[in-house]
PDB file of N, CA and C in Angstrom:
ATOM      1  N   MET A   1       0.815  -1.259   0.011  1.00  0.00           N
ATOM      2  CA  MET A   1      -0.096   0.061   0.071  1.00  0.00           C
ATOM      3  C   MET A   1       0.822   1.218  -0.039  1.00  0.00           C
ATOM      4  N   LYS A   2       1.797   1.301   0.959  1.00  0.00           N
ATOM      5  CA  LYS A   2       2.631   2.611   0.996  1.00  0.00           C
ATOM      6  C   LYS A   2       3.460   2.720  -0.256  1.00  0.00           C
ATOM      7  N   GLU A   3       4.037   1.688  -0.940  1.00  0.00           N
ATOM      8  CA  GLU A   3       4.856   1.907  -2.036  1.00  0.00           C
ATOM      9  C   GLU A   3       3.920   2.366  -3.287  1.00  0.00           C
ATOM     10  N   ARG A   4       2.688   1.842  -3.278  1.00  0.00           N
ATOM     11  CA  ARG A   4       1.730   2.342  -4.437  1.00  0.00           C
ATOM     12  C   ARG A   4       1.505   3.853  -4.173  1.00  0.00           C
ATOM     13  N   ILE A   5       1.131   4.267  -3.045  1.00  0.00           N
ATOM     14  CA  ILE A   5       0.920   5.614  -2.613  1.00  0.00           C
ATOM     15  C   ILE A   5       2.104   6.474  -2.942  1.00  0.00           C
ATOM     16  N   ARG A   6       3.259   6.098  -2.612  1.00  0.00           N
ATOM     17  CA  ARG A   6       4.484   6.845  -3.070  1.00  0.00           C
ATOM     18  C   ARG A   6       4.612   6.959  -4.541  1.00  0.00           C
ATOM     19  N   ASN A   7       4.259   5.908  -5.140  1.00  0.00           N
ATOM     20  CA  ASN A   7       4.376   6.105  -6.706  1.00  0.00           C
ATOM     21  C   ASN A   7       3.347   6.970  -7.188  1.00  0.00           C
ATOM     22  N   LEU A   8       2.128   6.898  -6.765  1.00  0.00           N
ATOM     23  CA  LEU A   8       1.145   7.852  -7.214  1.00  0.00           C
ATOM     24  C   LEU A   8       1.592   9.290  -7.046  1.00  0.00           C
ATOM     25  N   LEU A   9       2.240   9.502  -5.743  1.00  0.00           N
ATOM     26  CA  LEU A   9       2.603  10.852  -5.576  1.00  0.00           C
ATOM     27  C   LEU A   9       3.946  11.327  -6.329  1.00  0.00           C
ATOM     28  N   ALA A  10       4.705  10.450  -6.810  1.00  0.00           N
ATOM     29  CA  ALA A  10       5.907  10.670  -7.669  1.00  0.00           C
ATOM     30  C   ALA A  10       5.347  10.979  -9.094  1.00  0.00           C
ATOM     31  N   SER A  11       4.202  10.520  -9.360  1.00  0.00           N
ATOM     32  CA  SER A  11       3.653  10.508 -10.637  1.00  0.00           C
ATOM     33  C   SER A  11       2.700  11.733 -10.899  1.00  0.00           C
ATOM     34  N   ASP A  12       2.605  12.520  -9.598  1.00  0.00           N
ATOM     35  CA  ASP A  12       1.786  13.600  -9.752  1.00  0.00           C
ATOM     36  C   ASP A  12       0.366  13.326  -9.921  1.00  0.00           C
ATOM     37  N   ARG A  13      -0.097  12.332  -9.135  1.00  0.00           N
ATOM     38  CA  ARG A  13      -1.387  11.773  -9.016  1.00  0.00           C
ATOM     39  C   ARG A  13      -2.002  11.879  -7.620  1.00  0.00           C
ATOM     40  N   ALA A  14      -1.795  13.133  -7.024  1.00  0.00           N
ATOM     41  CA  ALA A  14      -2.337  13.203  -5.602  1.00  0.00           C
ATOM     42  C   ALA A  14      -3.800  12.909  -5.340  1.00  0.00           C
ATOM     43  N   ASP A  15      -4.716  13.189  -6.339  1.00  0.00           N
ATOM     44  CA  ASP A  15      -6.064  12.829  -6.223  1.00  0.00           C
ATOM     45  C   ASP A  15      -6.265  11.440  -6.088  1.00  0.00           C
ATOM     46  N   GLU A  16      -5.609  10.711  -6.871  1.00  0.00           N
ATOM     47  CA  GLU A  16      -5.807   9.121  -6.700  1.00  0.00           C
ATOM     48  C   GLU A  16      -5.133   8.663  -5.435  1.00  0.00           C
ATOM     49  N   ALA A  17      -4.083   9.277  -4.972  1.00  0.00           N
ATOM     50  CA  ALA A  17      -3.545   8.887  -3.716  1.00  0.00           C
ATOM     51  C   ALA A  17      -4.510   9.179  -2.526  1.00  0.00           C
ATOM     52  N   ILE A  18      -5.101  10.330  -2.481  1.00  0.00           N
ATOM     53  CA  ILE A  18      -5.948  10.680  -1.637  1.00  0.00           C
ATOM     54  C   ILE A  18      -7.141   9.652  -1.603  1.00  0.00           C
ATOM     55  N   ALA A  19      -7.745   9.489  -2.702  1.00  0.00           N
ATOM     56  CA  ALA A  19      -8.983   8.645  -2.838  1.00  0.00           C
ATOM     57  C   ALA A  19      -8.530   7.350  -2.254  1.00  0.00           C
ATOM     58  N   GLU A  20      -7.575   6.694  -2.794  1.00  0.00           N
ATOM     59  CA  GLU A  20      -7.251   5.303  -2.152  1.00  0.00           C
ATOM     60  C   GLU A  20      -6.917   5.289  -0.756  1.00  0.00           C
ATOM     61  N   LEU A  21      -6.288   6.354  -0.256  1.00  0.00           N
ATOM     62  CA  LEU A  21      -5.959   6.120   1.236  1.00  0.00           C
ATOM     63  C   LEU A  21      -7.451   6.453   1.980  1.00  0.00           C
ATOM     64  N   GLU A  22      -8.062   7.335   1.518  1.00  0.00           N
ATOM     65  CA  GLU A  22      -9.453   7.625   2.168  1.00  0.00           C
ATOM     66  C   GLU A  22     -10.376   6.296   2.123  1.00  0.00           C
ATOM     67  N   ARG A  23     -10.345   5.699   1.008  1.00  0.00           N
ATOM     68  CA  ARG A  23     -11.004   4.557   0.687  1.00  0.00           C
ATOM     69  C   ARG A  23     -10.675   3.368   1.779  1.00  0.00           C
ATOM     70  N   TYR A  24      -9.225   3.403   1.712  1.00  0.00           N
ATOM     71  CA  TYR A  24      -8.531   2.357   2.782  1.00  0.00           C
ATOM     72  C   TYR A  24      -9.017   2.532   4.122  1.00  0.00           C
ATOM     73  N   ARG A  25      -8.977   3.783   4.635  1.00  0.00           N
ATOM     74  CA  ARG A  25      -9.442   4.242   5.917  1.00  0.00           C
ATOM     75  C   ARG A  25     -10.908   3.899   6.114  1.00  0.00           C
ATOM     76  N   GLY A  26     -11.665   4.324   5.091  1.00  0.00           N
ATOM     77  CA  GLY A  26     -13.221   4.247   5.369  1.00  0.00           C
ATOM     78  C   GLY A  26     -13.579   2.655   5.378  1.00  0.00           C
ATOM     79  N   ASP A  27     -12.829   1.872   4.826  1.00  0.00           N
ATOM     80  CA  ASP A  27     -12.868   0.348   4.790  1.00  0.00           C
ATOM     81  C   ASP A  27     -12.396  -0.189   6.056  1.00  0.00           C
ATOM     82  N   GLY A  28     -11.920   0.551   7.047  1.00  0.00           N
ATOM     83  CA  GLY A  28     -11.579  -0.041   8.315  1.00  0.00           C
ATOM     84  C   GLY A  28      -9.898  -0.313   8.400  1.00  0.00           C
ATOM     85  N   GLY A  29      -9.180   0.047   7.181  1.00  0.00           N
ATOM     86  CA  GLY A  29      -7.849  -0.131   7.239  1.00  0.00           C
ATOM     87  C   GLY A  29      -7.069   0.594   8.332  1.00  0.00           C
ATOM     88  N   LYS A  30      -6.208   0.056   8.936  1.00  0.00           N
ATOM     89  CA  LYS A  30      -5.247   0.474   9.956  1.00  0.00           C
ATOM     90  C   LYS A  30      -4.268   1.678   9.427  1.00  0.00           C
ATOM     91  N   MET A  31      -4.499   3.001   9.741  1.00  0.00           N
ATOM     92  CA  MET A  31      -3.674   3.985   9.398  1.00  0.00           C
ATOM     93  C   MET A  31      -2.559   4.092  10.373  1.00  0.00           C
ATOM     94  N   ASP A  32      -1.386   4.036  10.003  1.00  0.00           N
ATOM     95  CA  ASP A  32      -0.256   4.124  10.663  1.00  0.00           C
ATOM     96  C   ASP A  32       0.509   5.576  10.482  1.00  0.00           C
ATOM     97  N   ASP A  33       1.551   5.986  11.028  1.00  0.00           N
ATOM     98  CA  ASP A  33       2.064   7.271  10.857  1.00  0.00           C
ATOM     99  C   ASP A  33       2.493   7.570   9.501  1.00  0.00           C
ATOM    100  N   ILE A  34       2.897   6.594   8.868  1.00  0.00           N
ATOM    101  CA  ILE A  34       3.453   6.667   7.556  1.00  0.00           C
ATOM    102  C   ILE A  34       2.272   6.937   6.474  1.00  0.00           C
ATOM    103  N   LEU A  35       1.105   6.348   6.701  1.00  0.00           N
ATOM    104  CA  LEU A  35       0.061   6.511   5.723  1.00  0.00           C
ATOM    105  C   LEU A  35      -0.400   7.792   6.000  1.00  0.00           C
ATOM    106  N   PHE A  36      -0.506   8.322   7.183  1.00  0.00           N
ATOM    107  CA  PHE A  36      -1.020   9.767   7.530  1.00  0.00           C
ATOM    108  C   PHE A  36       0.068  10.796   6.923  1.00  0.00           C
ATOM    109  N   TYR A  37       1.269  10.380   6.993  1.00  0.00           N
ATOM    110  CA  TYR A  37       2.316  11.288   6.370  1.00  0.00           C
ATOM    111  C   TYR A  37       2.160  11.311   4.919  1.00  0.00           C
ATOM    112  N   LEU A  38       1.976  10.113   4.256  1.00  0.00           N
ATOM    113  CA  LEU A  38       1.626  10.247   2.794  1.00  0.00           C
ATOM    114  C   LEU A  38       0.406  10.926   2.387  1.00  0.00           C
ATOM    115  N   LEU A  39      -0.563  10.789   3.311  1.00  0.00           N
ATOM    116  CA  LEU A  39      -1.933  11.422   3.032  1.00  0.00           C
ATOM    117  C   LEU A  39      -1.617  13.052   3.194  1.00  0.00           C
ATOM    118  N   GLY A  40      -0.941  13.340   4.169  1.00  0.00           N
ATOM    119  CA  GLY A  40      -0.479  14.855   4.237  1.00  0.00           C
ATOM    120  C   GLY A  40       0.248  15.270   3.024  1.00  0.00           C
ATOM    121  N   ASN A  41       1.146  14.559   2.687  1.00  0.00           N
ATOM    122  CA  ASN A  41       1.995  14.832   1.450  1.00  0.00           C
ATOM    123  C   ASN A  41       1.057  15.231   0.124  1.00  0.00           C
ATOM    124  N   ALA A  42      -0.030  14.281  -0.044  1.00  0.00           N
ATOM    125  CA  ALA A  42      -0.970  14.321  -1.160  1.00  0.00           C
ATOM    126  C   ALA A  42      -1.588  15.749  -0.986  1.00  0.00           C
ATOM    127  N   TRP A  43      -2.167  16.027   0.112  1.00  0.00           N
ATOM    128  CA  TRP A  43      -2.855  17.203   0.405  1.00  0.00           C
ATOM    129  C   TRP A  43      -2.045  18.423   0.116  1.00  0.00           C
ATOM    130  N   ARG A  44      -0.817  18.380   0.625  1.00  0.00           N
ATOM    131  CA  ARG A  44       0.328  19.336   0.218  1.00  0.00           C
ATOM    132  C   ARG A  44       0.311  19.593  -1.210  1.00  0.00           C
ATOM    133  N   LYS A  45       0.487  18.365  -1.769  1.00  0.00           N
ATOM    134  CA  LYS A  45       0.732  18.750  -3.343  1.00  0.00           C
ATOM    135  C   LYS A  45      -0.467  19.310  -4.035  1.00  0.00           C
ATOM    136  N   LYS A  46      -1.612  19.169  -3.286  1.00  0.00           N
ATOM    137  CA  LYS A  46      -2.808  19.898  -3.977  1.00  0.00           C
ATOM    138  C   LYS A  46      -2.973  21.365  -3.451  1.00  0.00           C
ATOM    139  N   GLY A  47      -2.064  21.727  -2.580  1.00  0.00           N
ATOM    140  CA  GLY A  47      -2.094  23.134  -2.107  1.00  0.00           C
ATOM    141  C   GLY A  47      -3.014  23.433  -1.039  1.00  0.00           C
ATOM    142  N   ASN A  48      -3.565  22.118  -0.157  1.00  0.00           N
ATOM    143  CA  ASN A  48      -4.475  22.309   0.659  1.00  0.00           C
ATOM    144  C   ASN A  48      -3.616  22.085   2.126  1.00  0.00           C
ATOM    145  N   TRP A  49      -3.232  23.254   2.564  1.00  0.00           N
ATOM    146  CA  TRP A  49      -2.067  23.153   3.808  1.00  0.00           C
ATOM    147  C   TRP A  49      -2.723  22.744   4.930  1.00  0.00           C
ATOM    148  N   GLN A  50      -4.058  23.150   5.219  1.00  0.00           N
ATOM    149  CA  GLN A  50      -4.760  22.785   6.363  1.00  0.00           C
ATOM    150  C   GLN A  50      -4.913  21.230   6.567  1.00  0.00           C
ATOM    151  N   MET A  51      -5.253  20.503   5.468  1.00  0.00           N
ATOM    152  CA  MET A  51      -5.530  19.114   5.470  1.00  0.00           C
ATOM    153  C   MET A  51      -4.199  18.355   5.521  1.00  0.00           C
ATOM    154  N   ALA A  52      -3.053  19.016   4.981  1.00  0.00           N
ATOM    155  CA  ALA A  52      -1.922  18.438   5.018  1.00  0.00           C
ATOM    156  C   ALA A  52      -1.353  18.308   6.464  1.00  0.00           C
ATOM    157  N   MET A  53      -1.437  19.504   7.149  1.00  0.00           N
ATOM    158  CA  MET A  53      -1.019  19.666   8.532  1.00  0.00           C
ATOM    159  C   MET A  53      -1.880  18.853   9.551  1.00  0.00           C
ATOM    160  N   ASN A  54      -3.097  18.530   9.355  1.00  0.00           N
ATOM    161  CA  ASN A  54      -3.984  17.735   9.999  1.00  0.00           C
ATOM    162  C   ASN A  54      -3.514  16.394   9.986  1.00  0.00           C
ATOM    163  N   ASN A  55      -3.060  15.823   8.707  1.00  0.00           N
ATOM    164  CA  ASN A  55      -2.742  14.492   8.764  1.00  0.00           C
ATOM    165  C   ASN A  55      -1.291  14.373   9.239  1.00  0.00           C
ATOM    166  N   TYR A  56      -0.257  15.353   9.129  1.00  0.00           N
ATOM    167  CA  TYR A  56       0.896  15.314   9.757  1.00  0.00           C
ATOM    168  C   TYR A  56       0.898  15.283  11.247  1.00  0.00           C
ATOM    169  N   LEU A  57      -0.111  16.001  11.745  1.00  0.00           N
ATOM    170  CA  LEU A  57      -0.447  15.988  13.263  1.00  0.00           C
ATOM    171  C   LEU A  57      -0.879  14.640  13.786  1.00  0.00           C
ATOM    172  N   GLU A  58      -1.750  14.027  12.908  1.00  0.00           N
ATOM    173  CA  GLU A  58      -2.054  12.620  13.234  1.00  0.00           C
ATOM    174  C   GLU A  58      -0.948  11.713  13.190  1.00  0.00           C
ATOM    175  N   ALA A  59      -0.061  11.735  12.152  1.00  0.00           N
ATOM    176  CA  ALA A  59       0.975  10.935  12.131  1.00  0.00           C
ATOM    177  C   ALA A  59       1.875  10.999  13.388  1.00  0.00           C
ATOM    178  N   VAL A  60       2.209  12.251  13.743  1.00  0.00           N
ATOM    179  CA  VAL A  60       3.094  12.725  14.888  1.00  0.00           C
ATOM    180  C   VAL A  60       2.429  12.096  16.251  1.00  0.00           C
ATOM    181  N   ALA A  61       1.217  12.317  16.312  1.00  0.00           N
ATOM    182  CA  ALA A  61       0.535  11.728  17.448  1.00  0.00           C
ATOM    183  C   ALA A  61       0.643  10.118  17.670  1.00  0.00           C
ATOM    184  N   LEU A  62       0.764   9.574  16.476  1.00  0.00           N
ATOM    185  CA  LEU A  62       0.868   8.042  16.491  1.00  0.00           C
ATOM    186  C   LEU A  62       2.347   7.716  16.728  1.00  0.00           C
ATOM    187  N   ASN A  63       3.389   8.618  16.347  1.00  0.00           N
ATOM    188  CA  ASN A  63       4.812   8.431  16.451  1.00  0.00           C
ATOM    189  C   ASN A  63       5.509   9.630  16.305  1.00  0.00           C
ATOM    190  N   PRO A  64       5.866  10.035  17.521  1.00  0.00           N
ATOM    191  CA  PRO A  64       6.598  11.387  17.423  1.00  0.00           C
ATOM    192  C   PRO A  64       8.008  11.430  16.601  1.00  0.00           C
ATOM    193  N   GLU A  65       8.426  10.276  16.302  1.00  0.00           N
ATOM    194  CA  GLU A  65       9.648  10.059  15.471  1.00  0.00           C
ATOM    195  C   GLU A  65       9.462   9.997  14.003  1.00  0.00           C
ATOM    196  N   SER A  66       8.110  10.244  13.654  1.00  0.00           N
ATOM    197  CA  SER A  66       7.662  10.087  12.222  1.00  0.00           C
ATOM    198  C   SER A  66       8.354  11.204  11.369  1.00  0.00           C
ATOM    199  N   PRO A  67       8.574  10.902  10.115  1.00  0.00           N
ATOM    200  CA  PRO A  67       8.984  11.818   9.259  1.00  0.00           C
ATOM    201  C   PRO A  67       7.994  13.122   9.054  1.00  0.00           C
ATOM    202  N   ALA A  68       6.861  12.949   9.532  1.00  0.00           N
ATOM    203  CA  ALA A  68       5.670  13.807   9.575  1.00  0.00           C
ATOM    204  C   ALA A  68       6.052  15.237  10.315  1.00  0.00           C
ATOM    205  N   GLN A  69       6.914  14.732  11.236  1.00  0.00           N
ATOM    206  CA  GLN A  69       7.456  16.006  12.215  1.00  0.00           C
ATOM    207  C   GLN A  69       8.124  16.980  11.547  1.00  0.00           C
ATOM    208  N   GLN A  70       9.073  16.534  10.662  1.00  0.00           N
ATOM    209  CA  GLN A  70       9.719  17.499   9.858  1.00  0.00           C
ATOM    210  C   GLN A  70       9.064  18.167   8.780  1.00  0.00           C
ATOM    211  N   ALA A  71       8.034  17.307   8.125  1.00  0.00           N
ATOM    212  CA  ALA A  71       7.089  17.890   7.159  1.00  0.00           C
ATOM    213  C   ALA A  71       6.271  18.911   7.910  1.00  0.00           C
ATOM    214  N   LEU A  72       5.900  18.756   9.133  1.00  0.00           N
ATOM    215  CA  LEU A  72       4.966  19.789   9.892  1.00  0.00           C
ATOM    216  C   LEU A  72       5.818  21.027  10.087  1.00  0.00           C
ATOM    217  N   ASP A  73       6.967  20.845  10.665  1.00  0.00           N
ATOM    218  CA  ASP A  73       7.928  21.916  10.870  1.00  0.00           C
ATOM    219  C   ASP A  73       8.094  22.804   9.687  1.00  0.00           C
ATOM    220  N   ILE A  74       8.402  22.187   8.489  1.00  0.00           N
ATOM    221  CA  ILE A  74       8.571  22.903   7.349  1.00  0.00           C
ATOM    222  C   ILE A  74       7.358  23.564   6.854  1.00  0.00           C
ATOM    223  N   ALA A  75       6.238  22.950   7.063  1.00  0.00           N
ATOM    224  CA  ALA A  75       5.026  23.561   6.605  1.00  0.00           C
ATOM    225  C   ALA A  75       4.650  24.851   7.422  1.00  0.00           C
ATOM    226  N   ASN A  76       5.050  24.779   8.650  1.00  0.00           N
ATOM    227  CA  ASN A  76       4.764  25.763   9.704  1.00  0.00           C
ATOM    228  C   ASN A  76       5.619  26.886   9.351  1.00  0.00           C
ATOM    229  N   GLU A  77       6.737  26.830   8.968  1.00  0.00           N
ATOM    230  CA  GLU A  77       7.790  27.777   8.434  1.00  0.00           C
ATOM    231  C   GLU A  77       7.326  28.500   7.181  1.00  0.00           C
ATOM    232  N   ILE A  78       6.763  27.729   6.176  1.00  0.00           N
ATOM    233  CA  ILE A  78       6.367  28.183   5.016  1.00  0.00           C
ATOM    234  C   ILE A  78       5.193  29.076   5.285  1.00  0.00           C
ATOM    235  N   LEU A  79       4.070  28.497   6.037  1.00  0.00           N
ATOM    236  CA  LEU A  79       2.866  29.304   6.415  1.00  0.00           C
ATOM    237  C   LEU A  79       3.232  30.611   7.230  1.00  0.00           C
ATOM    238  N   ASP A  80       4.218  30.552   8.000  1.00  0.00           N
ATOM    239  CA  ASP A  80       4.664  31.826   8.877  1.00  0.00           C
ATOM    240  C   ASP A  80       5.069  32.743   7.766  1.00  0.00           C
ATOM    241  N   PHE A  81       5.995  32.285   6.927  1.00  0.00           N
ATOM    242  CA  PHE A  81       6.608  33.358   6.027  1.00  0.00           C
ATOM    243  C   PHE A  81       5.541  33.936   5.099  1.00  0.00           C
ATOM    244  N   TYR A  82       4.563  33.265   4.639  1.00  0.00           N
ATOM    245  CA  TYR A  82       3.497  33.592   3.879  1.00  0.00           C
ATOM    246  C   TYR A  82       2.641  34.767   4.501  1.00  0.00           C
ATOM    247  N   ASN A  83       2.272  34.345   5.900  1.00  0.00           N
ATOM    248  CA  ASN A  83       1.375  35.149   6.709  1.00  0.00           C
ATOM    249  C   ASN A  83       2.283  36.423   6.880  1.00  0.00           C
ATOM    250  N   LYS A  84       3.498  36.618   7.226  1.00  0.00           N
ATOM    251  CA  LYS A  84       4.266  37.647   7.390  1.00  0.00           C
ATOM    252  C   LYS A  84       4.174  38.635   6.114  1.00  0.00           C
ATOM    253  N   ASP A  85       4.312  37.985   4.989  1.00  0.00           N
ATOM    254  CA  ASP A  85       4.319  38.733   3.846  1.00  0.00           C
ATOM    255  C   ASP A  85       3.005  39.476   3.668  1.00  0.00           C
ATOM    256  N   MET A  86       1.848  38.734   3.979  1.00  0.00           N
ATOM    257  CA  MET A  86       0.505  39.343   3.778  1.00  0.00           C
ATOM    258  C   MET A  86       0.405  40.572   4.692  1.00  0.00           C
ATOM    259  N   TYR A  87       1.074  40.740   5.796  1.00  0.00           N
ATOM    260  CA  TYR A  87       0.983  42.081   6.605  1.00  0.00           C
ATOM    261  C   TYR A  87       1.874  43.065   5.989  1.00  0.00           C
ATOM    262  N   ASN A  88       2.729  42.746   5.073  1.00  0.00           N
ATOM    263  CA  ASN A  88       3.627  43.675   4.594  1.00  0.00           C
ATOM    264  C   ASN A  88       3.207  44.344   3.271  1.00  0.00           C
ATOM    265  N   GLN A  89       2.029  44.088   2.799  1.00  0.00           N
ATOM    266  CA  GLN A  89       1.583  44.440   1.433  1.00  0.00           C
ATOM    267  C   GLN A  89       0.949  45.919   1.632  1.00  0.00           C
TER     268      GLN A  89
END
């Protein structure tokens, strides 16, 4: 499952990755930190930072050592930068 999602994301098929992960989750599949991290990456690729960060937070809650922690830190830095720019216009 994880490799398939990684391949979809590498092929710029974020919509398919999201649909597959949501279907898996809806069917009672066990979401681990890596699957939440990948789902967050898919949402980030679509430009939905809120959904990306929500999934990164889920991943970190399951495993504080998850790669999602770094992704979450980077997302926060990017959003802080954008928000500061908005005040300077």
